[in-house]
Amino acid sequence: MAQELLSWDWDTTNYDIATVSETRSLRPEERLFLAVIMQAVEDATSPKPGIQRDQARSVIFSSSATPIKDMCLILNIDPDYLARGVKKMIEEGRTLRREV
Protein backbone atom coordinates (compact mmCIF):
# COMPACT_ATOMS: atom_id res chain seq x y z
CA MET A 1 0.00 0.00 0.00
CA ALA A 2 1.22 3.49 0.78
CA GLN A 3 4.24 2.15 2.69
CA GLU A 4 5.53 0.81 -0.63
CA LEU A 5 4.95 4.28 -2.06
CA LEU A 6 7.46 5.67 0.38
CA SER A 7 10.00 2.85 0.28
CA TRP A 8 11.86 4.53 -2.58
CA ASP A 9 12.15 7.88 -0.80
CA TRP A 10 15.14 6.97 1.29
CA ASP A 11 17.31 6.30 -1.77
CA THR A 12 16.24 9.18 -3.98
CA THR A 13 16.02 12.91 -3.50
CA ASN A 14 13.28 13.84 -5.94
CA TYR A 15 9.59 13.08 -5.83
CA ASP A 16 6.40 14.06 -7.53
CA ILE A 17 3.11 13.41 -5.71
CA ALA A 18 1.30 12.69 -8.98
CA THR A 19 3.86 10.05 -9.96
CA VAL A 20 3.95 8.53 -6.48
CA SER A 21 0.18 8.31 -6.23
CA GLU A 22 -0.07 6.61 -9.63
CA THR A 23 1.41 3.52 -7.97
CA ARG A 24 -2.02 2.84 -6.55
CA SER A 25 -5.34 4.59 -6.74
CA LEU A 26 -5.55 7.18 -3.98
CA ARG A 27 -8.69 8.96 -2.88
CA PRO A 28 -8.42 12.77 -2.82
CA GLU A 29 -7.97 12.88 0.95
CA GLU A 30 -5.21 10.25 0.73
CA ARG A 31 -3.43 12.35 -1.90
CA LEU A 32 -3.68 15.31 0.47
CA PHE A 33 -2.32 13.30 3.42
CA LEU A 34 0.54 12.00 1.26
CA ALA A 35 1.35 15.54 0.12
CA VAL A 36 1.42 16.75 3.75
CA ILE A 37 3.69 13.87 4.79
CA MET A 38 6.05 14.47 1.89
CA GLN A 39 6.15 18.22 2.65
CA ALA A 40 7.09 17.38 6.24
CA VAL A 41 9.87 15.08 4.97
CA GLU A 42 11.05 17.78 2.57
CA ASP A 43 11.09 20.36 5.39
CA ALA A 44 12.76 17.97 7.87
CA THR A 45 15.60 17.15 5.46
CA SER A 46 16.20 20.76 4.47
CA PRO A 47 19.81 21.86 5.01
CA LYS A 48 18.55 25.35 5.84
CA PRO A 49 18.00 25.80 9.60
CA GLY A 50 14.75 27.35 10.67
CA ILE A 51 11.35 27.00 12.24
CA GLN A 52 9.90 24.90 9.40
CA ARG A 53 12.70 22.36 9.62
CA ASP A 54 12.54 22.25 13.42
CA GLN A 55 8.76 21.80 13.45
CA ALA A 56 8.85 19.09 10.79
CA ARG A 57 11.52 17.17 12.68
CA SER A 58 9.56 17.59 15.90
CA VAL A 59 6.37 16.02 14.51
CA ILE A 60 8.19 13.25 12.62
CA PHE A 61 10.41 12.24 15.55
CA SER A 62 7.90 12.82 18.35
CA SER A 63 7.27 9.86 20.64
CA SER A 64 3.65 10.96 21.09
CA ALA A 65 0.79 11.16 18.62
CA THR A 66 0.99 13.87 15.95
CA PRO A 67 -1.16 14.67 12.91
CA ILE A 68 1.61 13.34 10.65
CA LYS A 69 1.57 10.02 12.49
CA ASP A 70 -2.22 9.89 12.18
CA MET A 71 -1.96 10.51 8.43
CA CYS A 72 0.67 7.78 8.17
CA LEU A 73 -1.63 5.31 9.90
CA ILE A 74 -4.54 6.22 7.62
CA LEU A 75 -2.26 5.54 4.63
CA ASN A 76 -1.02 2.30 6.21
CA ILE A 77 2.50 3.70 6.65
CA ASP A 78 4.37 2.81 9.81
CA PRO A 79 5.30 6.18 11.39
CA ASP A 80 8.48 4.63 12.80
CA TYR A 81 9.43 3.54 9.27
CA LEU A 82 8.98 7.14 8.13
CA ALA A 83 11.07 8.46 11.02
CA ARG A 84 13.87 5.94 10.34
CA GLY A 85 13.97 6.94 6.68
CA VAL A 86 14.06 10.65 7.46
CA LYS A 87 16.77 10.09 10.07
CA LYS A 88 18.82 8.18 7.50
CA MET A 89 18.45 11.00 4.98
CA ILE A 90 19.48 13.62 7.54
CA GLU A 91 22.51 11.58 8.63
CA GLU A 92 23.59 11.18 5.01
CA GLY A 93 23.04 14.88 4.27
CA ARG A 94 20.38 14.16 1.64
CA THR A 95 17.34 16.31 1.09
CA LEU A 96 14.00 15.54 -0.47
CA ARG A 97 12.98 17.88 -3.27
CA ARG A 98 9.69 18.09 -5.04
CA GLU A 99 9.90 17.94 -8.82
CA VAL A 100 8.04 20.78 -10.47
C-alpha atoms as a PDB file:
ATOM      1  CA  MET A   1       0.000   0.000   0.000  1.00  0.00           C
ATOM      2  CA  ALA A   2       1.220   3.495   0.779  1.00  0.00           C
ATOM      3  CA  GLN A   3       4.235   2.148   2.686  1.00  0.00           C
ATOM      4  CA  GLU A   4       5.532   0.814  -0.627  1.00  0.00           C
ATOM      5  CA  LEU A   5       4.950   4.278  -2.059  1.00  0.00           C
ATOM      6  CA  LEU A   6       7.461   5.668   0.380  1.00  0.00           C
ATOM      7  CA  SER A   7       9.996   2.847   0.280  1.00  0.00           C
ATOM      8  CA  TRP A   8      11.859   4.527  -2.576  1.00  0.00           C
ATOM      9  CA  ASP A   9      12.147   7.882  -0.798  1.00  0.00           C
ATOM     10  CA  TRP A  10      15.143   6.975   1.287  1.00  0.00           C
ATOM     11  CA  ASP A  11      17.307   6.302  -1.766  1.00  0.00           C
ATOM     12  CA  THR A  12      16.239   9.183  -3.976  1.00  0.00           C
ATOM     13  CA  THR A  13      16.016  12.907  -3.496  1.00  0.00           C
ATOM     14  CA  ASN A  14      13.278  13.836  -5.941  1.00  0.00           C
ATOM     15  CA  TYR A  15       9.586  13.083  -5.834  1.00  0.00           C
ATOM     16  CA  ASP A  16       6.396  14.058  -7.525  1.00  0.00           C
ATOM     17  CA  ILE A  17       3.107  13.406  -5.711  1.00  0.00           C
ATOM     18  CA  ALA A  18       1.297  12.688  -8.980  1.00  0.00           C
ATOM     19  CA  THR A  19       3.857  10.051  -9.960  1.00  0.00           C
ATOM     20  CA  VAL A  20       3.951   8.533  -6.480  1.00  0.00           C
ATOM     21  CA  SER A  21       0.175   8.309  -6.228  1.00  0.00           C
ATOM     22  CA  GLU A  22      -0.072   6.606  -9.635  1.00  0.00           C
ATOM     23  CA  THR A  23       1.411   3.524  -7.967  1.00  0.00           C
ATOM     24  CA  ARG A  24      -2.018   2.835  -6.550  1.00  0.00           C
ATOM     25  CA  SER A  25      -5.335   4.588  -6.742  1.00  0.00           C
ATOM     26  CA  LEU A  26      -5.553   7.178  -3.977  1.00  0.00           C
ATOM     27  CA  ARG A  27      -8.691   8.957  -2.875  1.00  0.00           C
ATOM     28  CA  PRO A  28      -8.425  12.770  -2.824  1.00  0.00           C
ATOM     29  CA  GLU A  29      -7.969  12.881   0.950  1.00  0.00           C
ATOM     30  CA  GLU A  30      -5.210  10.247   0.725  1.00  0.00           C
ATOM     31  CA  ARG A  31      -3.428  12.351  -1.898  1.00  0.00           C
ATOM     32  CA  LEU A  32      -3.676  15.315   0.475  1.00  0.00           C
ATOM     33  CA  PHE A  33      -2.316  13.302   3.416  1.00  0.00           C
ATOM     34  CA  LEU A  34       0.539  11.998   1.261  1.00  0.00           C
ATOM     35  CA  ALA A  35       1.353  15.539   0.120  1.00  0.00           C
ATOM     36  CA  VAL A  36       1.420  16.751   3.750  1.00  0.00           C
ATOM     37  CA  ILE A  37       3.685  13.873   4.794  1.00  0.00           C
ATOM     38  CA  MET A  38       6.049  14.472   1.891  1.00  0.00           C
ATOM     39  CA  GLN A  39       6.151  18.217   2.647  1.00  0.00           C
ATOM     40  CA  ALA A  40       7.091  17.379   6.237  1.00  0.00           C
ATOM     41  CA  VAL A  41       9.868  15.083   4.969  1.00  0.00           C
ATOM     42  CA  GLU A  42      11.053  17.784   2.572  1.00  0.00           C
ATOM     43  CA  ASP A  43      11.092  20.358   5.391  1.00  0.00           C
ATOM     44  CA  ALA A  44      12.764  17.970   7.872  1.00  0.00           C
ATOM     45  CA  THR A  45      15.595  17.154   5.458  1.00  0.00           C
ATOM     46  CA  SER A  46      16.203  20.760   4.468  1.00  0.00           C
ATOM     47  CA  PRO A  47      19.814  21.862   5.008  1.00  0.00           C
ATOM     48  CA  LYS A  48      18.548  25.352   5.842  1.00  0.00           C
ATOM     49  CA  PRO A  49      18.005  25.797   9.602  1.00  0.00           C
ATOM     50  CA  GLY A  50      14.753  27.353  10.671  1.00  0.00           C
ATOM     51  CA  ILE A  51      11.355  26.998  12.243  1.00  0.00           C
ATOM     52  CA  GLN A  52       9.896  24.896   9.399  1.00  0.00           C
ATOM     53  CA  ARG A  53      12.704  22.360   9.618  1.00  0.00           C
ATOM     54  CA  ASP A  54      12.539  22.248  13.418  1.00  0.00           C
ATOM     55  CA  GLN A  55       8.760  21.797  13.446  1.00  0.00           C
ATOM     56  CA  ALA A  56       8.853  19.088  10.794  1.00  0.00           C
ATOM     57  CA  ARG A  57      11.523  17.171  12.679  1.00  0.00           C
ATOM     58  CA  SER A  58       9.560  17.593  15.898  1.00  0.00           C
ATOM     59  CA  VAL A  59       6.374  16.018  14.511  1.00  0.00           C
ATOM     60  CA  ILE A  60       8.185  13.248  12.618  1.00  0.00           C
ATOM     61  CA  PHE A  61      10.413  12.243  15.549  1.00  0.00           C
ATOM     62  CA  SER A  62       7.898  12.824  18.353  1.00  0.00           C
ATOM     63  CA  SER A  63       7.268   9.863  20.641  1.00  0.00           C
ATOM     64  CA  SER A  64       3.649  10.961  21.092  1.00  0.00           C
ATOM     65  CA  ALA A  65       0.786  11.162  18.619  1.00  0.00           C
ATOM     66  CA  THR A  66       0.995  13.869  15.946  1.00  0.00           C
ATOM     67  CA  PRO A  67      -1.162  14.668  12.910  1.00  0.00           C
ATOM     68  CA  ILE A  68       1.615  13.338  10.650  1.00  0.00           C
ATOM     69  CA  LYS A  69       1.567  10.022  12.486  1.00  0.00           C
ATOM     70  CA  ASP A  70      -2.223   9.887  12.182  1.00  0.00           C
ATOM     71  CA  MET A  71      -1.959  10.506   8.434  1.00  0.00           C
ATOM     72  CA  CYS A  72       0.669   7.776   8.167  1.00  0.00           C
ATOM     73  CA  LEU A  73      -1.625   5.310   9.901  1.00  0.00           C
ATOM     74  CA  ILE A  74      -4.540   6.221   7.621  1.00  0.00           C
ATOM     75  CA  LEU A  75      -2.258   5.537   4.631  1.00  0.00           C
ATOM     76  CA  ASN A  76      -1.020   2.303   6.211  1.00  0.00           C
ATOM     77  CA  ILE A  77       2.495   3.699   6.652  1.00  0.00           C
ATOM     78  CA  ASP A  78       4.374   2.807   9.810  1.00  0.00           C
ATOM     79  CA  PRO A  79       5.298   6.184  11.394  1.00  0.00           C
ATOM     80  CA  ASP A  80       8.479   4.631  12.797  1.00  0.00           C
ATOM     81  CA  TYR A  81       9.425   3.541   9.266  1.00  0.00           C
ATOM     82  CA  LEU A  82       8.980   7.137   8.129  1.00  0.00           C
ATOM     83  CA  ALA A  83      11.074   8.459  11.022  1.00  0.00           C
ATOM     84  CA  ARG A  84      13.871   5.944  10.339  1.00  0.00           C
ATOM     85  CA  GLY A  85      13.965   6.941   6.678  1.00  0.00           C
ATOM     86  CA  VAL A  86      14.055  10.651   7.465  1.00  0.00           C
ATOM     87  CA  LYS A  87      16.770  10.086  10.074  1.00  0.00           C
ATOM     88  CA  LYS A  88      18.824   8.184   7.503  1.00  0.00           C
ATOM     89  CA  MET A  89      18.445  10.999   4.976  1.00  0.00           C
ATOM     90  CA  ILE A  90      19.484  13.618   7.544  1.00  0.00           C
ATOM     91  CA  GLU A  91      22.508  11.582   8.633  1.00  0.00           C
ATOM     92  CA  GLU A  92      23.589  11.179   5.005  1.00  0.00           C
ATOM     93  CA  GLY A  93      23.040  14.878   4.274  1.00  0.00           C
ATOM     94  CA  ARG A  94      20.379  14.156   1.644  1.00  0.00           C
ATOM     95  CA  THR A  95      17.341  16.314   1.093  1.00  0.00           C
ATOM     96  CA  LEU A  96      13.996  15.536  -0.474  1.00  0.00           C
ATOM     97  CA  ARG A  97      12.976  17.876  -3.265  1.00  0.00           C
ATOM     98  CA  ARG A  98       9.689  18.088  -5.037  1.00  0.00           C
ATOM     99  CA  GLU A  99       9.897  17.944  -8.820  1.00  0.00           C
ATOM    100  CA  VAL A 100       8.045  20.775 -10.467  1.00  0.00           C
END
